[in-house]
């Protein structure tokens, strides 16, 4: 898979990026028949939702990470989809 570091708002350390990259590639191998999958990973004190999306028109699959935050005064968590970190892209065969 191709990998490039483009950050669109979510700042990741090199270790976080590497762990998310490795985790997402395993998820993609397990769920490669799905067009749009979400997976959660916790790294130390941060939680991320990983989105792996296949675009059939462009024949490309991309992976982005979004940070998850606990809502104030609540037990619920919310994914902040306004900012992402590009993890990888691959051209489907």
Protein backbone atom coordinates (compact mmCIF):
# COMPACT_ATOMS: atom_id res chain seq x y z
CA UNK A 1 0.00 0.00 0.00
CA UNK A 2 1.12 3.53 -0.63
CA UNK A 3 1.62 5.66 2.42
CA UNK A 4 2.08 9.39 2.69
CA UNK A 5 1.81 11.73 5.61
CA UNK A 6 -0.78 14.37 4.93
CA UNK A 7 -2.42 15.80 8.02
CA UNK A 8 -5.73 17.60 7.61
CA UNK A 9 -6.22 18.77 11.16
CA UNK A 10 -5.70 15.76 13.42
CA UNK A 11 -2.12 15.90 14.69
CA UNK A 12 -0.53 12.51 15.17
CA UNK A 13 2.81 11.60 16.62
CA UNK A 14 4.98 9.34 14.47
CA UNK A 15 4.19 6.42 16.82
CA UNK A 16 0.43 7.09 16.62
CA UNK A 17 0.60 7.31 12.84
CA UNK A 18 2.55 4.04 12.61
CA UNK A 19 0.19 2.21 14.97
CA UNK A 20 -2.91 3.47 13.11
CA UNK A 21 -1.33 2.58 9.76
CA UNK A 22 -0.54 -0.98 10.87
CA UNK A 23 -3.97 -1.44 12.50
CA UNK A 24 -5.87 -0.06 9.49
CA UNK A 25 -4.00 -2.28 7.02
CA UNK A 26 -5.02 -5.35 9.07
CA UNK A 27 -8.63 -4.11 9.15
CA UNK A 28 -8.57 -3.57 5.38
CA UNK A 29 -7.31 -7.10 4.78
CA UNK A 30 -10.12 -8.51 6.95
CA UNK A 31 -12.92 -6.31 5.53
CA UNK A 32 -11.70 -5.68 1.98
CA UNK A 33 -15.07 -6.71 0.51
CA UNK A 34 -16.81 -3.81 2.27
CA UNK A 35 -17.03 -0.37 0.64
CA UNK A 36 -17.09 1.68 3.85
CA UNK A 37 -15.86 0.41 7.22
CA UNK A 38 -15.19 2.06 10.57
CA UNK A 39 -12.85 0.72 13.24
CA UNK A 40 -11.86 2.06 16.65
CA UNK A 41 -8.37 2.09 18.14
CA UNK A 42 -7.14 3.40 21.47
CA UNK A 43 -3.57 4.62 21.70
CA UNK A 44 -2.51 5.65 25.21
CA UNK A 45 -4.95 8.40 26.23
CA UNK A 46 -6.44 9.01 22.74
CA UNK A 47 -9.14 7.20 20.80
CA UNK A 48 -9.50 7.25 17.02
CA UNK A 49 -12.14 6.12 14.56
CA UNK A 50 -10.57 4.80 11.38
CA UNK A 51 -12.58 5.05 8.15
CA UNK A 52 -11.61 2.88 5.20
CA UNK A 53 -13.59 3.88 2.12
CA UNK A 54 -13.53 2.36 -1.37
CA UNK A 55 -14.54 4.60 -4.27
CA UNK A 56 -15.57 2.30 -7.11
CA UNK A 57 -15.62 5.12 -9.68
CA UNK A 58 -11.99 6.04 -9.08
CA UNK A 59 -11.03 2.47 -8.11
CA UNK A 60 -9.25 3.82 -5.01
CA UNK A 61 -9.46 2.93 -1.32
CA UNK A 62 -8.48 5.55 1.24
CA UNK A 63 -8.01 5.50 4.98
CA UNK A 64 -8.51 8.45 7.32
CA UNK A 65 -8.33 8.73 11.10
CA UNK A 66 -10.68 10.89 13.16
CA UNK A 67 -10.25 11.65 16.85
CA UNK A 68 -12.96 10.62 19.32
CA UNK A 69 -13.79 12.88 22.28
CA UNK A 70 -15.93 12.40 25.37
CA UNK A 71 -18.90 14.77 25.35
CA UNK A 72 -18.98 17.27 28.21
CA UNK A 73 -21.21 16.31 31.11
CA UNK A 74 -22.04 13.00 29.45
CA UNK A 75 -20.95 9.40 29.29
CA UNK A 76 -21.12 9.48 25.49
CA UNK A 77 -18.30 9.82 22.98
CA UNK A 78 -18.38 11.60 19.65
CA UNK A 79 -16.21 11.33 16.55
CA UNK A 80 -14.98 14.71 15.35
CA UNK A 81 -15.35 14.34 11.57
CA UNK A 82 -14.48 18.00 10.95
CA UNK A 83 -10.76 17.14 11.11
CA UNK A 84 -8.95 14.09 9.81
CA UNK A 85 -5.52 12.60 9.30
CA UNK A 86 -4.81 10.94 5.96
CA UNK A 87 -3.29 7.51 6.62
CA UNK A 88 -3.01 5.77 3.24
CA UNK A 89 -4.43 5.26 -0.23
CA UNK A 90 -4.29 2.25 -2.52
CA UNK A 91 -5.44 1.71 -6.08
CA UNK A 92 -7.72 -1.31 -6.34
CA UNK A 93 -7.05 -3.96 -8.93
